[in-house]
Amino acid sequence: MIEKQSINGKEVWLKVDAHPMQRDNPNIIPREYFTATYYTEDPNGGPIHGEVVTDETGEPKLFESPVAAMSFARSRMEGENGRQR
């Protein structure tokens, strides 16, 4: 899922990807995690490099819902754009 948003007056694209988890017991949840990537150019127009949201160790940050991934990515972008001023 890719969503175009305006953050601090700039257009950005936030992409959320699902990552299914293979579990020995299928009743263990969550059954999938989500990651977020943000772009400063439309990623639908070709091979554009985005910035993956990472955790404190530099690994892709995993979220339990697409809404949490999108919200965190937006908050991170708002903070980064605010620091550039």
PDB file of N, CA and C in Angstrom:
ATOM      1  N   MET A   1       0.843  -1.161   0.000  1.00  0.00           N
ATOM      2  CA  MET A   1       0.000   0.000   0.000  1.00  0.00           C
ATOM      3  C   MET A   1       0.898   1.237   0.000  1.00  0.00           C
ATOM      4  N   ILE A   2       0.610   2.160  -0.895  1.00  0.00           N
ATOM      5  CA  ILE A   2       1.337   3.428  -0.970  1.00  0.00           C
ATOM      6  C   ILE A   2       0.327   4.552  -0.813  1.00  0.00           C
ATOM      7  N   GLU A   3       0.666   5.509   0.042  1.00  0.00           N
ATOM      8  CA  GLU A   3      -0.215   6.645   0.280  1.00  0.00           C
ATOM      9  C   GLU A   3       0.571   7.937   0.129  1.00  0.00           C
ATOM     10  N   LYS A   4       0.055   8.841  -0.685  1.00  0.00           N
ATOM     11  CA  LYS A   4       0.668  10.152  -0.855  1.00  0.00           C
ATOM     12  C   LYS A   4       0.128  11.078   0.223  1.00  0.00           C
ATOM     13  N   GLN A   5       1.031  11.793   0.900  1.00  0.00           N
ATOM     14  CA  GLN A   5       0.635  12.713   1.955  1.00  0.00           C
ATOM     15  C   GLN A   5       1.426  14.003   1.833  1.00  0.00           C
ATOM     16  N   SER A   6       0.911  15.035   2.437  1.00  0.00           N
ATOM     17  CA  SER A   6       1.613  16.312   2.528  1.00  0.00           C
ATOM     18  C   SER A   6       2.070  16.469   3.972  1.00  0.00           C
ATOM     19  N   ILE A   7       3.382  16.583   4.154  1.00  0.00           N
ATOM     20  CA  ILE A   7       3.946  16.722   5.493  1.00  0.00           C
ATOM     21  C   ILE A   7       4.786  17.990   5.511  1.00  0.00           C
ATOM     22  N   ASN A   8       4.399  18.903   6.365  1.00  0.00           N
ATOM     23  CA  ASN A   8       5.084  20.196   6.480  1.00  0.00           C
ATOM     24  C   ASN A   8       5.216  20.880   5.122  1.00  0.00           C
ATOM     25  N   GLY A   9       4.151  20.790   4.307  1.00  0.00           N
ATOM     26  CA  GLY A   9       4.130  21.459   3.011  1.00  0.00           C
ATOM     27  C   GLY A   9       4.856  20.730   1.892  1.00  0.00           C
ATOM     28  N   LYS A  10       5.371  19.535   2.149  1.00  0.00           N
ATOM     29  CA  LYS A  10       6.079  18.767   1.116  1.00  0.00           C
ATOM     30  C   LYS A  10       5.314  17.490   0.821  1.00  0.00           C
ATOM     31  N   GLU A  11       5.296  17.091  -0.456  1.00  0.00           N
ATOM     32  CA  GLU A  11       4.662  15.841  -0.819  1.00  0.00           C
ATOM     33  C   GLU A  11       5.614  14.682  -0.543  1.00  0.00           C
ATOM     34  N   VAL A  12       5.108  13.649   0.133  1.00  0.00           N
ATOM     35  CA  VAL A  12       5.871  12.432   0.396  1.00  0.00           C
ATOM     36  C   VAL A  12       4.948  11.242   0.140  1.00  0.00           C
ATOM     37  N   TRP A  13       5.558  10.098  -0.089  1.00  0.00           N
ATOM     38  CA  TRP A  13       4.824   8.867  -0.296  1.00  0.00           C
ATOM     39  C   TRP A  13       5.256   7.898   0.783  1.00  0.00           C
ATOM     40  N   LEU A  14       4.275   7.319   1.468  1.00  0.00           N
ATOM     41  CA  LEU A  14       4.540   6.352   2.518  1.00  0.00           C
ATOM     42  C   LEU A  14       4.060   4.995   2.033  1.00  0.00           C
ATOM     43  N   LYS A  15       4.951   4.012   2.086  1.00  0.00           N
ATOM     44  CA  LYS A  15       4.629   2.674   1.615  1.00  0.00           C
ATOM     45  C   LYS A  15       4.707   1.701   2.786  1.00  0.00           C
ATOM     46  N   VAL A  16       3.686   0.859   2.907  1.00  0.00           N
ATOM     47  CA  VAL A  16       3.652  -0.164   3.952  1.00  0.00           C
ATOM     48  C   VAL A  16       3.672  -1.531   3.260  1.00  0.00           C
ATOM     49  N   ASP A  17       4.567  -2.396   3.715  1.00  0.00           N
ATOM     50  CA  ASP A  17       4.676  -3.752   3.180  1.00  0.00           C
ATOM     51  C   ASP A  17       4.391  -4.763   4.282  1.00  0.00           C
ATOM     52  N   ALA A  18       3.660  -5.822   3.926  1.00  0.00           N
ATOM     53  CA  ALA A  18       3.373  -6.909   4.859  1.00  0.00           C
ATOM     54  C   ALA A  18       4.468  -7.959   4.773  1.00  0.00           C
ATOM     55  N   HIS A  19       4.805  -8.554   5.911  1.00  0.00           N
ATOM     56  CA  HIS A  19       5.808  -9.614   5.983  1.00  0.00           C
ATOM     57  C   HIS A  19       5.219 -10.773   6.792  1.00  0.00           C
ATOM     58  N   PRO A  20       4.638 -11.764   6.094  1.00  0.00           N
ATOM     59  CA  PRO A  20       4.061 -12.918   6.808  1.00  0.00           C
ATOM     60  C   PRO A  20       5.130 -13.660   7.603  1.00  0.00           C
ATOM     61  N   MET A  21       4.732 -14.161   8.756  1.00  0.00           N
ATOM     62  CA  MET A  21       5.642 -14.907   9.622  1.00  0.00           C
ATOM     63  C   MET A  21       5.311 -16.388   9.542  1.00  0.00           C
ATOM     64  N   GLN A  22       6.318 -17.208   9.385  1.00  0.00           N
ATOM     65  CA  GLN A  22       6.133 -18.651   9.402  1.00  0.00           C
ATOM     66  C   GLN A  22       6.290 -19.120  10.845  1.00  0.00           C
ATOM     67  N   ARG A  23       5.240 -19.634  11.413  1.00  0.00           N
ATOM     68  CA  ARG A  23       5.252 -20.077  12.805  1.00  0.00           C
ATOM     69  C   ARG A  23       5.037 -21.579  12.861  1.00  0.00           C
ATOM     70  N   ASP A  24       5.683 -22.246  13.823  1.00  0.00           N
ATOM     71  CA  ASP A  24       5.441 -23.672  14.036  1.00  0.00           C
ATOM     72  C   ASP A  24       3.992 -23.908  14.454  1.00  0.00           C
ATOM     73  N   ASN A  25       3.472 -23.006  15.265  1.00  0.00           N
ATOM     74  CA  ASN A  25       2.088 -23.083  15.707  1.00  0.00           C
ATOM     75  C   ASN A  25       1.327 -21.939  15.029  1.00  0.00           C
ATOM     76  N   PRO A  26       0.400 -22.229  14.106  1.00  0.00           N
ATOM     77  CA  PRO A  26      -0.299 -21.165  13.381  1.00  0.00           C
ATOM     78  C   PRO A  26      -1.220 -20.314  14.253  1.00  0.00           C
ATOM     79  N   ASN A  27      -1.423 -20.703  15.509  1.00  0.00           N
ATOM     80  CA  ASN A  27      -2.280 -19.926  16.405  1.00  0.00           C
ATOM     81  C   ASN A  27      -1.525 -18.808  17.120  1.00  0.00           C
ATOM     82  N   ILE A  28      -0.210 -18.763  16.962  1.00  0.00           N
ATOM     83  CA  ILE A  28       0.585 -17.700  17.582  1.00  0.00           C
ATOM     84  C   ILE A  28       0.435 -16.437  16.738  1.00  0.00           C
ATOM     85  N   ILE A  29       0.110 -15.353  17.413  1.00  0.00           N
ATOM     86  CA  ILE A  29      -0.018 -14.085  16.705  1.00  0.00           C
ATOM     87  C   ILE A  29       1.064 -13.129  17.171  1.00  0.00           C
ATOM     88  N   PRO A  30       1.466 -12.144  16.407  1.00  0.00           N
ATOM     89  CA  PRO A  30       0.921 -11.825  15.086  1.00  0.00           C
ATOM     90  C   PRO A  30       1.413 -12.800  14.024  1.00  0.00           C
ATOM     91  N   ARG A  31       0.603 -12.957  12.997  1.00  0.00           N
ATOM     92  CA  ARG A  31       0.956 -13.835  11.883  1.00  0.00           C
ATOM     93  C   ARG A  31       1.712 -13.085  10.801  1.00  0.00           C
ATOM     94  N   GLU A  32       1.703 -11.759  10.900  1.00  0.00           N
ATOM     95  CA  GLU A  32       2.476 -10.946   9.967  1.00  0.00           C
ATOM     96  C   GLU A  32       2.869  -9.645  10.641  1.00  0.00           C
ATOM     97  N   TYR A  33       3.961  -9.090  10.157  1.00  0.00           N
ATOM     98  CA  TYR A  33       4.428  -7.781  10.596  1.00  0.00           C
ATOM     99  C   TYR A  33       4.422  -6.859   9.388  1.00  0.00           C
ATOM    100  N   PHE A  34       4.591  -5.580   9.654  1.00  0.00           N
ATOM    101  CA  PHE A  34       4.578  -4.586   8.592  1.00  0.00           C
ATOM    102  C   PHE A  34       5.801  -3.691   8.727  1.00  0.00           C
ATOM    103  N   THR A  35       6.335  -3.261   7.585  1.00  0.00           N
ATOM    104  CA  THR A  35       7.426  -2.294   7.565  1.00  0.00           C
ATOM    105  C   THR A  35       6.960  -1.069   6.796  1.00  0.00           C
ATOM    106  N   ALA A  36       7.631   0.043   7.010  1.00  0.00           N
ATOM    107  CA  ALA A  36       7.282   1.290   6.334  1.00  0.00           C
ATOM    108  C   ALA A  36       8.506   1.856   5.627  1.00  0.00           C
ATOM    109  N   THR A  37       8.254   2.437   4.463  1.00  0.00           N
ATOM    110  CA  THR A  37       9.288   3.110   3.678  1.00  0.00           C
ATOM    111  C   THR A  37       8.720   4.450   3.249  1.00  0.00           C
ATOM    112  N   TYR A  38       9.557   5.500   3.277  1.00  0.00           N
ATOM    113  CA  TYR A  38       9.069   6.785   2.795  1.00  0.00           C
ATOM    114  C   TYR A  38       9.923   7.272   1.638  1.00  0.00           C
ATOM    115  N   TYR A  39       9.247   8.012   0.745  1.00  0.00           N
ATOM    116  CA  TYR A  39       9.844   8.491  -0.498  1.00  0.00           C
ATOM    117  C   TYR A  39       9.586   9.983  -0.637  1.00  0.00           C
ATOM    118  N   THR A  40      10.516  10.683  -1.268  1.00  0.00           N
ATOM    119  CA  THR A  40      10.322  12.103  -1.569  1.00  0.00           C
ATOM    120  C   THR A  40       9.902  12.300  -3.019  1.00  0.00           C
ATOM    121  N   GLU A  41       9.898  11.207  -3.804  1.00  0.00           N
ATOM    122  CA  GLU A  41       9.399  11.218  -5.182  1.00  0.00           C
ATOM    123  C   GLU A  41       8.423  10.065  -5.330  1.00  0.00           C
ATOM    124  N   ASP A  42       7.512  10.177  -6.296  1.00  0.00           N
ATOM    125  CA  ASP A  42       6.498   9.147  -6.508  1.00  0.00           C
ATOM    126  C   ASP A  42       7.166   7.823  -6.874  1.00  0.00           C
ATOM    127  N   PRO A  43       7.047   6.788  -6.030  1.00  0.00           N
ATOM    128  CA  PRO A  43       7.689   5.504  -6.320  1.00  0.00           C
ATOM    129  C   PRO A  43       6.974   4.710  -7.414  1.00  0.00           C
ATOM    130  N   ASN A  44       5.795   5.152  -7.819  1.00  0.00           N
ATOM    131  CA  ASN A  44       5.069   4.463  -8.877  1.00  0.00           C
ATOM    132  C   ASN A  44       5.632   4.773 -10.257  1.00  0.00           C
ATOM    133  N   GLY A  45       6.488   5.795 -10.351  1.00  0.00           N
ATOM    134  CA  GLY A  45       7.017   6.218 -11.637  1.00  0.00           C
ATOM    135  C   GLY A  45       8.263   5.479 -12.083  1.00  0.00           C
ATOM    136  N   GLY A  46       8.765   4.572 -11.312  1.00  0.00           N
ATOM    137  CA  GLY A  46       9.966   3.850 -11.701  1.00  0.00           C
ATOM    138  C   GLY A  46      10.766   3.444 -10.490  1.00  0.00           C
ATOM    139  N   PRO A  47      11.972   2.974 -10.730  1.00  0.00           N
ATOM    140  CA  PRO A  47      12.808   2.536  -9.602  1.00  0.00           C
ATOM    141  C   PRO A  47      13.345   3.734  -8.806  1.00  0.00           C
ATOM    142  N   ILE A  48      12.658   4.072  -7.740  1.00  0.00           N
ATOM    143  CA  ILE A  48      13.038   5.192  -6.876  1.00  0.00           C
ATOM    144  C   ILE A  48      13.434   4.613  -5.526  1.00  0.00           C
ATOM    145  N   HIS A  49      14.542   5.067  -4.986  1.00  0.00           N
ATOM    146  CA  HIS A  49      15.022   4.583  -3.694  1.00  0.00           C
ATOM    147  C   HIS A  49      14.294   5.303  -2.571  1.00  0.00           C
ATOM    148  N   GLY A  50      13.737   4.530  -1.656  1.00  0.00           N
ATOM    149  CA  GLY A  50      13.071   5.094  -0.485  1.00  0.00           C
ATOM    150  C   GLY A  50      13.905   4.854   0.755  1.00  0.00           C
ATOM    151  N   GLU A  51      13.460   5.430   1.843  1.00  0.00           N
ATOM    152  CA  GLU A  51      14.135   5.295   3.128  1.00  0.00           C
ATOM    153  C   GLU A  51      13.291   4.392   4.022  1.00  0.00           C
ATOM    154  N   VAL A  52      13.821   3.226   4.352  1.00  0.00           N
ATOM    155  CA  VAL A  52      13.112   2.287   5.218  1.00  0.00           C
ATOM    156  C   VAL A  52      13.192   2.786   6.655  1.00  0.00           C
ATOM    157  N   VAL A  53      12.065   2.741   7.350  1.00  0.00           N
ATOM    158  CA  VAL A  53      12.037   3.116   8.767  1.00  0.00           C
ATOM    159  C   VAL A  53      12.752   2.006   9.536  1.00  0.00           C
ATOM    160  N   THR A  54      13.763   2.385  10.307  1.00  0.00           N
ATOM    161  CA  THR A  54      14.568   1.402  11.036  1.00  0.00           C
ATOM    162  C   THR A  54      14.431   1.593  12.550  1.00  0.00           C
ATOM    163  N   ASP A  55      14.813   0.536  13.274  1.00  0.00           N
ATOM    164  CA  ASP A  55      14.810   0.613  14.738  1.00  0.00           C
ATOM    165  C   ASP A  55      16.169   1.122  15.212  1.00  0.00           C
ATOM    166  N   GLU A  56      16.381   1.093  16.510  1.00  0.00           N
ATOM    167  CA  GLU A  56      17.625   1.636  17.079  1.00  0.00           C
ATOM    168  C   GLU A  56      18.875   0.853  16.687  1.00  0.00           C
ATOM    169  N   THR A  57      18.715  -0.375  16.180  1.00  0.00           N
ATOM    170  CA  THR A  57      19.865  -1.176  15.749  1.00  0.00           C
ATOM    171  C   THR A  57      20.129  -1.063  14.252  1.00  0.00           C
ATOM    172  N   GLY A  58      19.285  -0.289  13.552  1.00  0.00           N
ATOM    173  CA  GLY A  58      19.464  -0.118  12.113  1.00  0.00           C
ATOM    174  C   GLY A  58      18.716  -1.146  11.273  1.00  0.00           C
ATOM    175  N   GLU A  59      17.993  -2.043  11.916  1.00  0.00           N
ATOM    176  CA  GLU A  59      17.195  -3.041  11.199  1.00  0.00           C
ATOM    177  C   GLU A  59      15.820  -2.452  10.888  1.00  0.00           C
ATOM    178  N   PRO A  60      15.153  -2.951   9.830  1.00  0.00           N
ATOM    179  CA  PRO A  60      13.799  -2.459   9.551  1.00  0.00           C
ATOM    180  C   PRO A  60      12.897  -2.626  10.775  1.00  0.00           C
ATOM    181  N   LYS A  61      12.211  -1.563  11.143  1.00  0.00           N
ATOM    182  CA  LYS A  61      11.320  -1.591  12.301  1.00  0.00           C
ATOM    183  C   LYS A  61      10.058  -2.356  11.920  1.00  0.00           C
ATOM    184  N   LEU A  62       9.662  -3.306  12.771  1.00  0.00           N
ATOM    185  CA  LEU A  62       8.483  -4.122  12.524  1.00  0.00           C
ATOM    186  C   LEU A  62       7.304  -3.586  13.324  1.00  0.00           C
ATOM    187  N   PHE A  63       6.152  -3.524  12.670  1.00  0.00           N
ATOM    188  CA  PHE A  63       4.924  -3.046  13.291  1.00  0.00           C
ATOM    189  C   PHE A  63       3.882  -4.148  13.229  1.00  0.00           C
ATOM    190  N   GLU A  64       2.960  -4.141  14.188  1.00  0.00           N
ATOM    191  CA  GLU A  64       1.927  -5.164  14.234  1.00  0.00           C
ATOM    192  C   GLU A  64       0.705  -4.812  13.408  1.00  0.00           C
ATOM    193  N   SER A  65       0.638  -3.595  12.879  1.00  0.00           N
ATOM    194  CA  SER A  65      -0.480  -3.220  12.014  1.00  0.00           C
ATOM    195  C   SER A  65      -0.006  -2.232  10.956  1.00  0.00           C
ATOM    196  N   PRO A  66      -0.700  -2.191   9.813  1.00  0.00           N
ATOM    197  CA  PRO A  66      -0.319  -1.209   8.793  1.00  0.00           C
ATOM    198  C   PRO A  66      -0.569   0.220   9.264  1.00  0.00           C
ATOM    199  N   VAL A  67      -1.575   0.421  10.100  1.00  0.00           N
ATOM    200  CA  VAL A  67      -1.860   1.761  10.618  1.00  0.00           C
ATOM    201  C   VAL A  67      -0.717   2.237  11.509  1.00  0.00           C
ATOM    202  N   ALA A  68      -0.203   1.347  12.348  1.00  0.00           N
ATOM    203  CA  ALA A  68       0.929   1.716  13.211  1.00  0.00           C
ATOM    204  C   ALA A  68       2.162   2.054  12.369  1.00  0.00           C
ATOM    205  N   ALA A  69       2.405   1.297  11.326  1.00  0.00           N
ATOM    206  CA  ALA A  69       3.552   1.561  10.447  1.00  0.00           C
ATOM    207  C   ALA A  69       3.413   2.914   9.772  1.00  0.00           C
ATOM    208  N   MET A  70       2.226   3.204   9.234  1.00  0.00           N
ATOM    209  CA  MET A  70       1.978   4.468   8.538  1.00  0.00           C
ATOM    210  C   MET A  70       2.088   5.641   9.508  1.00  0.00           C
ATOM    211  N   SER A  71       1.506   5.510  10.684  1.00  0.00           N
ATOM    212  CA  SER A  71       1.542   6.590  11.677  1.00  0.00           C
ATOM    213  C   SER A  71       2.962   6.890  12.139  1.00  0.00           C
ATOM    214  N   PHE A  72       3.749   5.843  12.388  1.00  0.00           N
ATOM    215  CA  PHE A  72       5.126   6.036  12.834  1.00  0.00           C
ATOM    216  C   PHE A  72       5.961   6.697  11.739  1.00  0.00           C
ATOM    217  N   ALA A  73       5.796   6.233  10.495  1.00  0.00           N
ATOM    218  CA  ALA A  73       6.550   6.822   9.380  1.00  0.00           C
ATOM    219  C   ALA A  73       6.203   8.297   9.222  1.00  0.00           C
ATOM    220  N   ARG A  74       4.919   8.626   9.334  1.00  0.00           N
ATOM    221  CA  ARG A  74       4.511  10.026   9.224  1.00  0.00           C
ATOM    222  C   ARG A  74       5.124  10.857  10.355  1.00  0.00           C
ATOM    223  N   SER A  75       5.084  10.347  11.573  1.00  0.00           N
ATOM    224  CA  SER A  75       5.676  11.067  12.706  1.00  0.00           C
ATOM    225  C   SER A  75       7.166  11.283  12.502  1.00  0.00           C
ATOM    226  N   ARG A  76       7.844  10.260  12.003  1.00  0.00           N
ATOM    227  CA  ARG A  76       9.284  10.374  11.754  1.00  0.00           C
ATOM    228  C   ARG A  76       9.557  11.440  10.698  1.00  0.00           C
ATOM    229  N   MET A  77       8.753  11.455   9.624  1.00  0.00           N
ATOM    230  CA  MET A  77       8.930  12.460   8.562  1.00  0.00           C
ATOM    231  C   MET A  77       8.642  13.864   9.095  1.00  0.00           C
ATOM    232  N   GLU A  78       7.628  14.006   9.903  1.00  0.00           N
ATOM    233  CA  GLU A  78       7.313  15.319  10.476  1.00  0.00           C
ATOM    234  C   GLU A  78       8.474  15.805  11.332  1.00  0.00           C
ATOM    235  N   GLY A  79       9.078  14.929  12.097  1.00  0.00           N
ATOM    236  CA  GLY A  79      10.220  15.296  12.941  1.00  0.00           C
ATOM    237  C   GLY A  79      11.440  15.656  12.124  1.00  0.00           C
ATOM    238  N   GLU A  80      11.733  14.891  11.087  1.00  0.00           N
ATOM    239  CA  GLU A  80      12.905  15.154  10.246  1.00  0.00           C
ATOM    240  C   GLU A  80      12.731  16.465   9.481  1.00  0.00           C
ATOM    241  N   ASN A  81      11.539  16.714   8.954  1.00  0.00           N
ATOM    242  CA  ASN A  81      11.312  17.952   8.226  1.00  0.00           C
ATOM    243  C   ASN A  81      11.372  19.149   9.162  1.00  0.00           C
ATOM    244  N   GLY A  82      10.911  18.978  10.389  1.00  0.00           N
ATOM    245  CA  GLY A  82      10.974  20.074  11.364  1.00  0.00           C
ATOM    246  C   GLY A  82      12.395  20.418  11.754  1.00  0.00           C
ATOM    247  N   ARG A  83      13.285  19.421  11.804  1.00  0.00           N
ATOM    248  CA  ARG A  83      14.687  19.680  12.169  1.00  0.00           C
ATOM    249  C   ARG A  83      15.453  20.337  11.047  1.00  0.00           C
ATOM    250  N   GLN A  84      15.001  20.212   9.802  1.00  0.00           N
ATOM    251  CA  GLN A  84      15.731  20.784   8.678  1.00  0.00           C
ATOM    252  C   GLN A  84      15.514  22.279   8.549  1.00  0.00           C
ATOM    253  N   ARG A  85      14.541  22.819   9.245  1.00  0.00           N
ATOM    254  CA  ARG A  85      14.252  24.251   9.127  1.00  0.00           C
ATOM    255  C   ARG A  85      15.263  25.105   9.823  1.00  0.00           C
TER     256      ARG A  85
END
